[in-house]
Amino acid sequence: MSATPLRCAVVGVGYLGRFHAQKYKALPEAELVGVCDSREEPGRQVATELGVEWLANYQDLKGKVDAVTVASTTSSHYEIAKFFLENGIHVHVEKPMTSTSAEGLELCQLAEKNGLKLQVGHIERFNPAFVAAREKLQRPLFIECHRLAPFKPRGFDVSVVLDLMIHDLDVILSLVNSDPVDVSAIGTPVLTGDIDIANARVEFASGTVANITASRVSQKSERKFRVFQGNQYLSMDFGAGEVRLLTKTGEWGGDTLPLDQDVWSLEKGDALLAET
């Protein structure tokens, strides 16, 4: 731990940004020096709540911070993150990182060139269910993901792929040490002008196949991630914090297959704090 706290700020204090600011305030390794939002009402509200300065212009943070979290609208991520990386400031940016892959690649190259940290807020990597189950995931053969959410009036500057499905895509890529070789996908708008429900099938060079469904127009919430591998089936419920592991322990005997089942009900940890 550094003797001097890292000076931090959050740019964009809407729904997620407010939580990010709270986490910085709670960390002894960090000093939250301010929050930035071009909208005065939410900006001042969060600043007052946490006892820090409110700034309307993110460029005014130059010289005041060592690191920032960018939690503004997706379309603004590239411009804001680029400014801080060009000025020697570490960046944590909410997902999706940028609106295009070209913008994301440019930010990665800029961070590497300037010797800076650039982290994307893929929070499910810090979900207690995934943390507990990861060591059991050796070589996935088939992956099935369902991420469903009720309609909410936010996040519509991107499709459901970048809004929700991106979480599962990130977890899959972190597990499968192989390049995608084929992708087929379908999606449709339902309540907005962009894709609101989508399904993708991804094949990897290793032979792993992933089937991913995401919807932001469902009546219920569901965040389930299922993995089939040699002699094992593992189910992670990211929402409930539960992991189920079924392992084949012998050969067929009559009408039964010997299986060993483990169920882990985990305490609901603070994945956002762990990510921070």
Protein backbone atom coordinates (compact mmCIF):
# COMPACT_ATOMS: atom_id res chain seq x y z
CA MET A 1 0.00 0.00 0.00
CA SER A 2 1.28 3.44 -0.96
CA ALA A 3 1.94 5.82 1.93
CA THR A 4 0.31 8.58 -0.11
CA PRO A 5 -3.28 7.92 -1.22
CA LEU A 6 -3.94 7.97 -4.94
CA ARG A 7 -5.82 11.12 -5.90
CA CYS A 8 -8.96 10.03 -7.74
CA ALA A 9 -12.07 11.47 -9.35
CA VAL A 10 -15.14 10.20 -11.17
CA VAL A 11 -16.34 11.69 -14.45
CA GLY A 12 -20.06 11.16 -14.87
CA VAL A 13 -22.00 10.59 -11.66
CA GLY A 14 -25.22 9.10 -12.91
CA TYR A 15 -26.46 5.71 -11.74
CA LEU A 16 -23.08 3.90 -11.86
CA GLY A 17 -20.79 6.88 -11.39
CA ARG A 18 -22.25 7.64 -7.97
CA PHE A 19 -21.40 4.12 -6.82
CA HIS A 20 -17.85 4.46 -8.15
CA ALA A 21 -17.40 7.69 -6.20
CA GLN A 22 -18.65 5.99 -3.03
CA LYS A 23 -16.10 3.18 -3.46
CA TYR A 24 -13.20 5.61 -3.87
CA LYS A 25 -14.36 7.43 -0.75
CA ALA A 26 -14.33 4.14 1.18
CA LEU A 27 -10.83 3.06 0.12
CA PRO A 28 -7.94 4.09 2.40
CA GLU A 29 -5.58 3.82 -0.58
CA ALA A 30 -7.55 6.47 -2.47
CA GLU A 31 -8.44 10.11 -1.94
CA LEU A 32 -11.59 11.19 -3.76
CA VAL A 33 -10.78 14.78 -4.66
CA GLY A 34 -13.85 15.52 -6.74
CA VAL A 35 -16.64 14.43 -9.04
CA CYS A 36 -17.30 15.80 -12.49
CA ASP A 37 -20.60 16.02 -14.33
CA SER A 38 -21.76 18.58 -16.87
CA ARG A 39 -25.20 18.40 -15.25
CA GLU A 40 -25.13 20.60 -12.17
CA GLU A 41 -27.90 18.97 -10.14
CA PRO A 42 -26.54 15.38 -9.97
CA GLY A 43 -22.98 16.65 -9.83
CA ARG A 44 -23.56 18.88 -6.83
CA GLN A 45 -25.73 16.28 -5.14
CA VAL A 46 -23.03 13.58 -5.19
CA ALA A 47 -20.29 16.08 -4.34
CA THR A 48 -22.24 17.27 -1.30
CA GLU A 49 -23.06 13.71 -0.23
CA LEU A 50 -19.37 12.77 -0.26
CA GLY A 51 -17.90 16.09 0.84
CA VAL A 52 -15.85 16.76 -2.29
CA GLU A 53 -15.61 19.33 -5.06
CA TRP A 54 -17.98 19.33 -8.05
CA LEU A 55 -16.56 20.23 -11.45
CA ALA A 56 -18.54 20.79 -14.63
CA ASN A 57 -15.60 20.31 -17.01
CA TYR A 58 -13.47 17.15 -16.81
CA GLN A 59 -10.46 19.01 -18.19
CA ASP A 60 -10.30 20.99 -14.95
CA LEU A 61 -9.17 17.79 -13.21
CA LYS A 62 -5.78 17.98 -14.93
CA GLY A 63 -3.09 18.42 -12.29
CA LYS A 64 -5.46 17.49 -9.47
CA VAL A 65 -5.70 13.70 -9.90
CA ASP A 66 -3.56 10.62 -10.46
CA ALA A 67 -6.41 8.42 -11.71
CA VAL A 68 -10.01 8.77 -12.88
CA THR A 69 -13.04 6.60 -13.46
CA VAL A 70 -14.96 7.49 -16.61
CA ALA A 71 -18.64 6.59 -16.09
CA SER A 72 -20.24 9.00 -18.55
CA THR A 73 -22.25 8.00 -21.63
CA THR A 74 -20.52 5.49 -23.89
CA SER A 75 -20.26 7.93 -26.79
CA SER A 76 -18.09 10.22 -24.63
CA HIS A 77 -15.72 7.55 -23.28
CA TYR A 78 -13.15 7.84 -26.05
CA GLU A 79 -12.73 11.61 -25.92
CA ILE A 80 -12.58 11.78 -22.12
CA ALA A 81 -10.29 8.78 -21.61
CA LYS A 82 -7.96 10.01 -24.36
CA PHE A 83 -7.61 13.40 -22.65
CA PHE A 84 -6.52 11.85 -19.36
CA LEU A 85 -4.17 9.31 -20.96
CA GLU A 86 -2.52 12.11 -22.94
CA ASN A 87 -1.98 13.99 -19.68
CA GLY A 88 -0.35 11.19 -17.68
CA ILE A 89 -3.43 10.12 -15.71
CA HIS A 90 -4.46 6.47 -15.18
CA VAL A 91 -7.95 5.60 -16.44
CA HIS A 92 -10.63 3.19 -15.31
CA VAL A 93 -13.47 3.31 -17.85
CA GLU A 94 -16.90 1.75 -17.52
CA LYS A 95 -17.98 -0.82 -20.06
CA PRO A 96 -18.40 -0.63 -22.95
CA MET A 97 -14.96 0.85 -23.28
CA THR A 98 -15.74 2.82 -26.45
CA SER A 99 -18.33 2.94 -29.20
CA THR A 100 -15.97 1.31 -31.73
CA SER A 101 -13.13 -1.20 -31.61
CA ALA A 102 -10.84 1.25 -33.42
CA GLU A 103 -11.29 3.80 -30.63
CA GLY A 104 -10.65 1.12 -28.01
CA LEU A 105 -7.46 -0.02 -29.72
CA GLU A 106 -6.20 3.56 -29.93
CA LEU A 107 -6.72 4.05 -26.19
CA CYS A 108 -4.87 0.81 -25.42
CA GLN A 109 -1.94 1.88 -27.57
CA LEU A 110 -1.89 5.32 -25.95
CA ALA A 111 -1.89 3.87 -22.44
CA GLU A 112 0.95 1.50 -23.33
CA LYS A 113 2.95 4.28 -24.97
CA ASN A 114 2.64 6.51 -21.90
CA GLY A 115 3.15 3.74 -19.33
CA LEU A 116 -0.31 4.18 -17.83
CA LYS A 117 -2.96 1.84 -16.47
CA LEU A 118 -6.14 1.50 -18.53
CA GLN A 119 -8.80 -0.77 -17.02
CA VAL A 120 -12.29 -1.53 -18.28
CA GLY A 121 -15.07 -2.06 -15.74
CA HIS A 122 -16.00 -5.67 -16.44
CA ILE A 123 -17.49 -6.23 -13.00
CA GLU A 124 -18.47 -9.91 -13.37
CA ARG A 125 -14.80 -10.90 -13.19
CA PHE A 126 -15.06 -9.88 -9.53
CA ASN A 127 -18.41 -11.55 -8.87
CA PRO A 128 -18.01 -13.95 -5.88
CA ALA A 129 -19.63 -16.77 -7.89
CA PHE A 130 -17.09 -16.46 -10.70
CA VAL A 131 -14.15 -16.01 -8.33
CA ALA A 132 -15.15 -19.19 -6.46
CA ALA A 133 -15.81 -21.26 -9.58
CA ARG A 134 -12.94 -20.18 -11.79
CA GLU A 135 -10.42 -22.73 -10.50
CA LYS A 136 -12.89 -25.50 -11.43
CA LEU A 137 -13.12 -24.34 -15.03
CA GLN A 138 -10.39 -26.26 -16.84
CA ARG A 139 -11.39 -26.68 -20.51
CA PRO A 140 -14.93 -25.57 -21.35
CA LEU A 141 -16.52 -27.49 -24.21
CA PHE A 142 -19.88 -25.72 -24.33
CA ILE A 143 -20.97 -22.50 -22.61
CA GLU A 144 -24.56 -21.30 -22.26
CA CYS A 145 -25.31 -17.78 -20.97
CA HIS A 146 -28.58 -16.00 -20.24
CA ARG A 147 -28.53 -12.37 -19.14
CA LEU A 148 -32.02 -10.91 -18.90
CA ALA A 149 -33.15 -7.59 -17.44
CA PRO A 150 -36.38 -5.62 -17.24
CA PHE A 151 -36.70 -2.50 -19.35
CA LYS A 152 -35.02 0.54 -17.76
CA PRO A 153 -34.84 4.06 -19.22
CA ARG A 154 -31.04 4.24 -19.41
CA GLY A 155 -28.15 2.79 -21.43
CA PHE A 156 -29.87 3.24 -24.78
CA ASP A 157 -26.93 4.92 -26.48
CA VAL A 158 -25.71 1.39 -27.27
CA SER A 159 -27.32 -1.94 -28.20
CA VAL A 160 -28.00 -4.75 -25.74
CA VAL A 161 -24.78 -6.38 -26.97
CA LEU A 162 -22.64 -3.57 -25.57
CA ASP A 163 -25.03 -2.90 -22.69
CA LEU A 164 -25.47 -6.43 -21.26
CA MET A 165 -24.07 -9.23 -23.43
CA ILE A 166 -20.60 -7.70 -23.18
CA HIS A 167 -20.38 -8.95 -19.57
CA ASP A 168 -20.66 -12.59 -20.64
CA LEU A 169 -18.45 -12.12 -23.68
CA ASP A 170 -15.72 -10.80 -21.39
CA VAL A 171 -16.05 -13.72 -18.96
CA ILE A 172 -16.00 -16.21 -21.85
CA LEU A 173 -12.88 -14.67 -23.38
CA SER A 174 -11.16 -14.74 -19.98
CA LEU A 175 -11.86 -18.49 -19.72
CA VAL A 176 -11.27 -19.68 -23.28
CA ASN A 177 -7.64 -19.21 -24.21
CA SER A 178 -8.39 -19.34 -27.91
CA ASP A 179 -9.41 -17.08 -30.78
CA PRO A 180 -12.97 -16.99 -32.16
CA VAL A 181 -13.19 -18.58 -35.61
CA ASP A 182 -16.90 -18.21 -36.34
CA VAL A 183 -19.67 -15.95 -35.05
CA SER A 184 -23.35 -16.05 -35.94
CA ALA A 185 -25.78 -13.65 -34.31
CA ILE A 186 -29.29 -12.29 -34.49
CA GLY A 187 -31.00 -9.43 -32.71
CA THR A 188 -33.95 -7.10 -32.93
CA PRO A 189 -35.19 -3.80 -31.52
CA VAL A 190 -38.31 -4.07 -29.36
CA LEU A 191 -38.79 -0.93 -27.26
CA THR A 192 -35.94 1.28 -28.49
CA GLY A 193 -34.38 2.15 -31.81
CA ASP A 194 -31.45 -0.22 -31.22
CA ILE A 195 -31.09 -3.97 -30.63
CA ASP A 196 -32.88 -4.86 -27.37
CA ILE A 197 -32.67 -8.67 -27.48
CA ALA A 198 -29.91 -10.70 -29.10
CA ASN A 199 -28.42 -14.16 -29.38
CA ALA A 200 -24.91 -15.06 -30.52
CA ARG A 201 -23.17 -18.36 -31.18
CA VAL A 202 -19.38 -18.20 -31.05
CA GLU A 203 -17.02 -21.01 -32.04
CA PHE A 204 -13.39 -20.95 -30.95
CA ALA A 205 -10.30 -22.52 -32.52
CA SER A 206 -10.02 -24.79 -29.45
CA GLY A 207 -13.42 -26.33 -30.25
CA THR A 208 -15.28 -24.51 -27.48
CA VAL A 209 -18.75 -23.29 -28.47
CA ALA A 210 -20.60 -20.52 -26.62
CA ASN A 211 -24.27 -19.64 -26.95
CA ILE A 212 -25.11 -16.24 -25.45
CA THR A 213 -28.52 -14.61 -25.01
CA ALA A 214 -29.09 -11.09 -23.71
CA SER A 215 -32.30 -9.11 -23.31
CA ARG A 216 -33.13 -5.76 -21.74
CA VAL A 217 -36.88 -6.18 -22.32
CA SER A 218 -37.63 -9.14 -20.04
CA GLN A 219 -40.09 -9.38 -17.15
CA LYS A 220 -37.49 -10.90 -14.84
CA SER A 221 -33.80 -10.52 -14.08
CA GLU A 222 -31.47 -13.44 -14.73
CA ARG A 223 -27.68 -13.71 -14.90
CA LYS A 224 -26.83 -17.38 -15.38
CA PHE A 225 -23.65 -18.82 -16.84
CA ARG A 226 -23.43 -22.58 -17.50
CA VAL A 227 -20.33 -24.51 -18.50
CA PHE A 228 -20.05 -28.10 -19.76
CA GLN A 229 -16.62 -29.72 -19.73
CA GLY A 230 -15.21 -33.24 -19.54
CA ASN A 231 -17.31 -35.20 -17.00
CA GLN A 232 -18.54 -31.97 -15.38
CA TYR A 233 -21.34 -29.42 -15.48
CA LEU A 234 -20.96 -26.11 -13.65
CA SER A 235 -23.67 -23.49 -13.21
CA MET A 236 -23.04 -19.98 -11.90
CA ASP A 237 -25.88 -17.70 -10.85
CA PHE A 238 -24.26 -14.28 -10.84
CA GLY A 239 -27.34 -12.67 -9.34
CA ALA A 240 -27.97 -15.11 -6.48
CA GLY A 241 -24.30 -15.84 -5.80
CA GLU A 242 -24.70 -19.59 -6.17
CA VAL A 243 -22.48 -22.17 -7.85
CA ARG A 244 -23.50 -25.76 -8.65
CA LEU A 245 -20.93 -28.34 -9.73
CA LEU A 246 -21.90 -31.82 -10.93
CA THR A 247 -19.06 -34.31 -11.51
CA LYS A 248 -19.32 -37.77 -13.04
CA THR A 249 -17.73 -40.21 -10.57
CA GLY A 250 -18.21 -43.55 -12.33
CA GLU A 251 -19.81 -45.39 -15.24
CA TRP A 252 -23.44 -46.06 -16.02
CA GLY A 253 -24.93 -48.64 -13.70
CA GLY A 254 -28.39 -49.76 -14.77
CA ASP A 255 -30.46 -46.61 -15.16
CA THR A 256 -28.28 -44.34 -13.08
CA LEU A 257 -25.14 -42.32 -13.60
CA PRO A 258 -23.03 -41.75 -10.48
CA LEU A 259 -22.75 -38.01 -9.91
CA ASP A 260 -21.25 -35.94 -7.15
CA GLN A 261 -22.93 -32.59 -6.57
CA ASP A 262 -21.48 -29.56 -4.79
CA VAL A 263 -23.50 -26.41 -4.13
CA TRP A 264 -21.86 -23.22 -2.91
CA SER A 265 -24.06 -20.41 -1.64
CA LEU A 266 -21.78 -17.42 -1.37
CA GLU A 267 -22.05 -14.24 0.62
CA LYS A 268 -22.92 -11.30 -1.57
CA GLY A 269 -19.59 -9.53 -1.87
CA ASP A 270 -18.97 -6.03 -3.21
CA ALA A 271 -17.76 -6.73 -6.74
CA LEU A 272 -17.54 -3.04 -7.59
CA LEU A 273 -15.31 -2.34 -4.59
CA ALA A 274 -13.10 -5.31 -5.56
CA GLU A 275 -12.90 -3.97 -9.12
CA THR A 276 -11.94 -0.51 -7.85
